[in-house]
């Protein structure tokens, strides 16, 4: 069989792709498990004391989205390992490898945050006639997540440029 690429390139591409897929998968599993556990804890607290915590139903998703945005902003704000090596004399902290960035950003944050659940929560509030609550929820998710991503990005930049 004739290949368009030499066998060494095919092996390199394959091993890189497998490593990247494994990194994303490990990060995604961890992010999904964290999101699931936070949801369980929130549901249990609400069930234990619905009078006190019942109004917070669904809001854990907002908290997850804002925290995940902060983390993703932080990851995005850190330099790549190659950038750090080329500017090592500038006193930078070590950067992230592309695989670590995939694991943390695409894998963990991608499965930890959840736009679909946020959307269903908002639709549920609207369908129950809770317009003010739904608008507050949408505003908190969007403004909070964007603000957190900005804060995380700038925090990483400040830590790196010490």
C-alpha atoms as a PDB file:
ATOM      1  CA  UNK A   1       0.000   0.000   0.000  1.00  0.00           C
ATOM      2  CA  UNK A   2       1.318   3.443  -0.895  1.00  0.00           C
ATOM      3  CA  UNK A   3       0.939   6.195   1.698  1.00  0.00           C
ATOM      4  CA  UNK A   4       0.908   9.876   0.947  1.00  0.00           C
ATOM      5  CA  UNK A   5       3.043  10.485   4.031  1.00  0.00           C
ATOM      6  CA  UNK A   6       6.209   8.667   5.093  1.00  0.00           C
ATOM      7  CA  UNK A   7       5.648   5.997   7.837  1.00  0.00           C
ATOM      8  CA  UNK A   8       7.531   8.055  10.455  1.00  0.00           C
ATOM      9  CA  UNK A   9       5.142  10.975   9.951  1.00  0.00           C
ATOM     10  CA  UNK A  10       2.120   8.667  10.155  1.00  0.00           C
ATOM     11  CA  UNK A  11       3.425   7.158  13.420  1.00  0.00           C
ATOM     12  CA  UNK A  12       4.129  10.618  14.859  1.00  0.00           C
ATOM     13  CA  UNK A  13       0.712  11.937  13.927  1.00  0.00           C
ATOM     14  CA  UNK A  14      -0.947   8.845  15.350  1.00  0.00           C
ATOM     15  CA  UNK A  15       0.939   8.886  18.655  1.00  0.00           C
ATOM     16  CA  UNK A  16       0.368  12.633  19.036  1.00  0.00           C
ATOM     17  CA  UNK A  17      -3.328  12.268  18.310  1.00  0.00           C
ATOM     18  CA  UNK A  18      -3.670   9.374  20.753  1.00  0.00           C
ATOM     19  CA  UNK A  19      -1.846  11.314  23.464  1.00  0.00           C
ATOM     20  CA  UNK A  20      -3.962  14.405  22.870  1.00  0.00           C
ATOM     21  CA  UNK A  21      -7.166  12.348  22.880  1.00  0.00           C
ATOM     22  CA  UNK A  22      -6.123  10.687  26.139  1.00  0.00           C
ATOM     23  CA  UNK A  23      -5.367  14.072  27.719  1.00  0.00           C
ATOM     24  CA  UNK A  24      -8.743  15.481  26.672  1.00  0.00           C
ATOM     25  CA  UNK A  25     -10.503  12.320  27.867  1.00  0.00           C
ATOM     26  CA  UNK A  26      -8.825  12.337  31.283  1.00  0.00           C
ATOM     27  CA  UNK A  27      -9.607  16.038  31.743  1.00  0.00           C
ATOM     28  CA  UNK A  28     -13.194  15.534  30.568  1.00  0.00           C
ATOM     29  CA  UNK A  29     -13.757  12.644  32.967  1.00  0.00           C
ATOM     30  CA  UNK A  30     -12.442  14.706  35.875  1.00  0.00           C
ATOM     31  CA  UNK A  31     -14.507  17.764  34.916  1.00  0.00           C
ATOM     32  CA  UNK A  32     -17.711  15.768  34.481  1.00  0.00           C
ATOM     33  CA  UNK A  33     -17.218  13.989  37.799  1.00  0.00           C
ATOM     34  CA  UNK A  34     -16.633  17.300  39.574  1.00  0.00           C
ATOM     35  CA  UNK A  35     -19.742  18.834  38.009  1.00  0.00           C
ATOM     36  CA  UNK A  36     -21.794  15.753  38.911  1.00  0.00           C
ATOM     37  CA  UNK A  37     -20.577  15.796  42.514  1.00  0.00           C
ATOM     38  CA  UNK A  38     -21.285  19.511  42.935  1.00  0.00           C
ATOM     39  CA  UNK A  39     -24.786  18.917  41.558  1.00  0.00           C
ATOM     40  CA  UNK A  40     -25.300  16.069  44.043  1.00  0.00           C
ATOM     41  CA  UNK A  41     -24.153  18.195  46.962  1.00  0.00           C
ATOM     42  CA  UNK A  42     -26.364  21.115  45.907  1.00  0.00           C
ATOM     43  CA  UNK A  43     -29.397  18.847  45.417  1.00  0.00           C
ATOM     44  CA  UNK A  44     -28.843  17.209  48.805  1.00  0.00           C
ATOM     45  CA  UNK A  45     -28.564  20.572  50.586  1.00  0.00           C
ATOM     46  CA  UNK A  46     -31.725  21.824  48.880  1.00  0.00           C
ATOM     47  CA  UNK A  47     -33.616  18.615  49.780  1.00  0.00           C
ATOM     48  CA  UNK A  48     -32.432  18.807  53.409  1.00  0.00           C
ATOM     49  CA  UNK A  49     -33.700  22.351  53.833  1.00  0.00           C
ATOM     50  CA  UNK A  50     -35.997  23.409  50.969  1.00  0.00           C
ATOM     51  CA  UNK A  51     -37.296  26.425  52.867  1.00  0.00           C
ATOM     52  CA  UNK A  52     -33.822  27.859  53.200  1.00  0.00           C
ATOM     53  CA  UNK A  53     -32.206  26.634  49.957  1.00  0.00           C
ATOM     54  CA  UNK A  54     -35.123  25.934  47.604  1.00  0.00           C
ATOM     55  CA  UNK A  55     -34.723  29.224  45.782  1.00  0.00           C
ATOM     56  CA  UNK A  56     -31.191  28.148  44.793  1.00  0.00           C
ATOM     57  CA  UNK A  57     -32.401  25.226  42.679  1.00  0.00           C
ATOM     58  CA  UNK A  58     -30.395  25.224  39.461  1.00  0.00           C
ATOM     59  CA  UNK A  59     -28.062  28.009  40.549  1.00  0.00           C
ATOM     60  CA  UNK A  60     -25.210  25.577  41.150  1.00  0.00           C
ATOM     61  CA  UNK A  61     -24.886  25.455  37.355  1.00  0.00           C
ATOM     62  CA  UNK A  62     -24.229  29.196  37.359  1.00  0.00           C
ATOM     63  CA  UNK A  63     -21.555  28.738  40.024  1.00  0.00           C
ATOM     64  CA  UNK A  64     -19.948  25.958  38.007  1.00  0.00           C
ATOM     65  CA  UNK A  65     -20.000  28.055  34.829  1.00  0.00           C
ATOM     66  CA  UNK A  66     -18.440  31.071  36.562  1.00  0.00           C
ATOM     67  CA  UNK A  67     -15.747  28.962  38.303  1.00  0.00           C
ATOM     68  CA  UNK A  68     -15.035  27.073  35.094  1.00  0.00           C
ATOM     69  CA  UNK A  69     -14.738  30.351  33.194  1.00  0.00           C
ATOM     70  CA  UNK A  70     -12.294  31.644  35.795  1.00  0.00           C
ATOM     71  CA  UNK A  71     -10.206  28.475  35.410  1.00  0.00           C
ATOM     72  CA  UNK A  72     -10.355  28.519  31.606  1.00  0.00           C
ATOM     73  CA  UNK A  73      -9.399  32.201  31.573  1.00  0.00           C
ATOM     74  CA  UNK A  74      -6.447  31.357  33.825  1.00  0.00           C
ATOM     75  CA  UNK A  75      -5.369  28.495  31.546  1.00  0.00           C
ATOM     76  CA  UNK A  76      -5.700  30.753  28.493  1.00  0.00           C
ATOM     77  CA  UNK A  77      -3.652  33.448  30.204  1.00  0.00           C
ATOM     78  CA  UNK A  78      -0.693  31.184  30.926  1.00  0.00           C
ATOM     79  CA  UNK A  79       2.033  31.052  28.291  1.00  0.00           C
ATOM     80  CA  UNK A  80       2.892  27.962  26.296  1.00  0.00           C
ATOM     81  CA  UNK A  81       5.994  26.088  27.391  1.00  0.00           C
ATOM     82  CA  UNK A  82       7.726  27.147  24.160  1.00  0.00           C
ATOM     83  CA  UNK A  83       7.050  30.825  24.886  1.00  0.00           C
ATOM     84  CA  UNK A  84       8.565  30.457  28.347  1.00  0.00           C
ATOM     85  CA  UNK A  85      11.659  28.718  27.019  1.00  0.00           C
ATOM     86  CA  UNK A  86      12.278  31.489  24.489  1.00  0.00           C
ATOM     87  CA  UNK A  87      11.782  34.228  27.106  1.00  0.00           C
ATOM     88  CA  UNK A  88      13.239  32.392  30.103  1.00  0.00           C
ATOM     89  CA  UNK A  89      15.476  35.289  31.037  1.00  0.00           C
ATOM     90  CA  UNK A  90      12.394  37.465  31.674  1.00  0.00           C
ATOM     91  CA  UNK A  91      11.665  35.749  35.016  1.00  0.00           C
ATOM     92  CA  UNK A  92       8.572  33.926  33.803  1.00  0.00           C
ATOM     93  CA  UNK A  93       7.083  30.967  35.606  1.00  0.00           C
ATOM     94  CA  UNK A  94       6.866  27.718  33.706  1.00  0.00           C
ATOM     95  CA  UNK A  95       4.160  27.632  31.044  1.00  0.00           C
ATOM     96  CA  UNK A  96       1.733  24.925  30.006  1.00  0.00           C
ATOM     97  CA  UNK A  97       2.469  22.309  27.411  1.00  0.00           C
ATOM     98  CA  UNK A  98      -0.067  22.071  24.622  1.00  0.00           C
ATOM     99  CA  UNK A  99      -1.194  18.698  26.010  1.00  0.00           C
ATOM    100  CA  UNK A 100      -1.713  20.105  29.514  1.00  0.00           C
ATOM    101  CA  UNK A 101      -3.647  22.992  27.984  1.00  0.00           C
ATOM    102  CA  UNK A 102      -5.849  20.463  26.131  1.00  0.00           C
ATOM    103  CA  UNK A 103      -6.436  18.466  29.306  1.00  0.00           C
ATOM    104  CA  UNK A 104      -7.289  21.480  31.453  1.00  0.00           C
ATOM    105  CA  UNK A 105      -9.077  23.661  28.912  1.00  0.00           C
ATOM    106  CA  UNK A 106     -10.830  21.421  26.414  1.00  0.00           C
ATOM    107  CA  UNK A 107     -11.141  18.375  28.669  1.00  0.00           C
ATOM    108  CA  UNK A 108     -11.773  19.575  32.222  1.00  0.00           C
ATOM    109  CA  UNK A 109     -13.349  22.983  31.618  1.00  0.00           C
ATOM    110  CA  UNK A 110     -15.259  21.747  28.588  1.00  0.00           C
ATOM    111  CA  UNK A 111     -17.015  19.041  30.572  1.00  0.00           C
ATOM    112  CA  UNK A 112     -17.157  20.908  33.884  1.00  0.00           C
ATOM    113  CA  UNK A 113     -19.021  23.919  32.542  1.00  0.00           C
ATOM    114  CA  UNK A 114     -22.298  23.256  30.853  1.00  0.00           C
ATOM    115  CA  UNK A 115     -24.112  25.611  28.544  1.00  0.00           C
ATOM    116  CA  UNK A 116     -26.817  23.050  27.787  1.00  0.00           C
ATOM    117  CA  UNK A 117     -27.825  22.632  31.446  1.00  0.00           C
ATOM    118  CA  UNK A 118     -27.743  26.386  31.913  1.00  0.00           C
ATOM    119  CA  UNK A 119     -30.058  26.768  28.906  1.00  0.00           C
ATOM    120  CA  UNK A 120     -32.516  24.126  30.138  1.00  0.00           C
ATOM    121  CA  UNK A 121     -32.530  25.707  33.614  1.00  0.00           C
ATOM    122  CA  UNK A 122     -33.368  29.109  32.101  1.00  0.00           C
ATOM    123  CA  UNK A 123     -36.123  27.630  29.914  1.00  0.00           C
ATOM    124  CA  UNK A 124     -37.552  25.844  32.977  1.00  0.00           C
ATOM    125  CA  UNK A 125     -37.689  29.119  34.897  1.00  0.00           C
ATOM    126  CA  UNK A 126     -39.364  30.867  31.965  1.00  0.00           C
ATOM    127  CA  UNK A 127     -41.902  28.073  31.502  1.00  0.00           C
ATOM    128  CA  UNK A 128     -42.775  28.349  35.213  1.00  0.00           C
ATOM    129  CA  UNK A 129     -43.461  32.070  34.791  1.00  0.00           C
ATOM    130  CA  UNK A 130     -40.331  33.093  36.718  1.00  0.00           C
ATOM    131  CA  UNK A 131     -39.259  35.849  34.354  1.00  0.00           C
ATOM    132  CA  UNK A 132     -37.235  37.877  36.878  1.00  0.00           C
ATOM    133  CA  UNK A 133     -35.468  34.778  38.164  1.00  0.00           C
ATOM    134  CA  UNK A 134     -34.691  33.594  34.619  1.00  0.00           C
ATOM    135  CA  UNK A 135     -33.316  36.981  33.567  1.00  0.00           C
ATOM    136  CA  UNK A 136     -31.205  37.191  36.735  1.00  0.00           C
ATOM    137  CA  UNK A 137     -29.915  33.680  36.075  1.00  0.00           C
ATOM    138  CA  UNK A 138     -29.017  34.453  32.464  1.00  0.00           C
ATOM    139  CA  UNK A 139     -27.335  37.717  33.461  1.00  0.00           C
ATOM    140  CA  UNK A 140     -25.377  36.065  36.290  1.00  0.00           C
ATOM    141  CA  UNK A 141     -24.173  33.257  34.000  1.00  0.00           C
ATOM    142  CA  UNK A 142     -23.162  35.529  31.148  1.00  0.00           C
ATOM    143  CA  UNK A 143     -21.774  38.509  33.038  1.00  0.00           C
ATOM    144  CA  UNK A 144     -20.298  36.357  35.799  1.00  0.00           C
ATOM    145  CA  UNK A 145     -18.639  33.914  33.414  1.00  0.00           C
ATOM    146  CA  UNK A 146     -17.179  36.578  31.154  1.00  0.00           C
ATOM    147  CA  UNK A 147     -15.949  38.582  34.146  1.00  0.00           C
ATOM    148  CA  UNK A 148     -14.447  35.441  35.703  1.00  0.00           C
ATOM    149  CA  UNK A 149     -12.711  34.479  32.450  1.00  0.00           C
ATOM    150  CA  UNK A 150     -11.254  37.989  32.225  1.00  0.00           C
ATOM    151  CA  UNK A 151     -10.123  37.835  35.863  1.00  0.00           C
ATOM    152  CA  UNK A 152      -8.542  34.404  35.408  1.00  0.00           C
ATOM    153  CA  UNK A 153      -6.729  35.493  32.255  1.00  0.00           C
ATOM    154  CA  UNK A 154      -5.356  38.607  33.933  1.00  0.00           C
ATOM    155  CA  UNK A 155      -4.432  36.719  37.108  1.00  0.00           C
ATOM    156  CA  UNK A 156      -2.377  34.267  35.057  1.00  0.00           C
ATOM    157  CA  UNK A 157      -0.668  37.112  33.194  1.00  0.00           C
ATOM    158  CA  UNK A 158       0.197  38.859  36.470  1.00  0.00           C
ATOM    159  CA  UNK A 159       1.571  35.683  38.023  1.00  0.00           C
ATOM    160  CA  UNK A 160       3.635  34.950  34.949  1.00  0.00           C
ATOM    161  CA  UNK A 161       5.086  38.447  34.645  1.00  0.00           C
ATOM    162  CA  UNK A 162       6.260  38.793  38.254  1.00  0.00           C
END
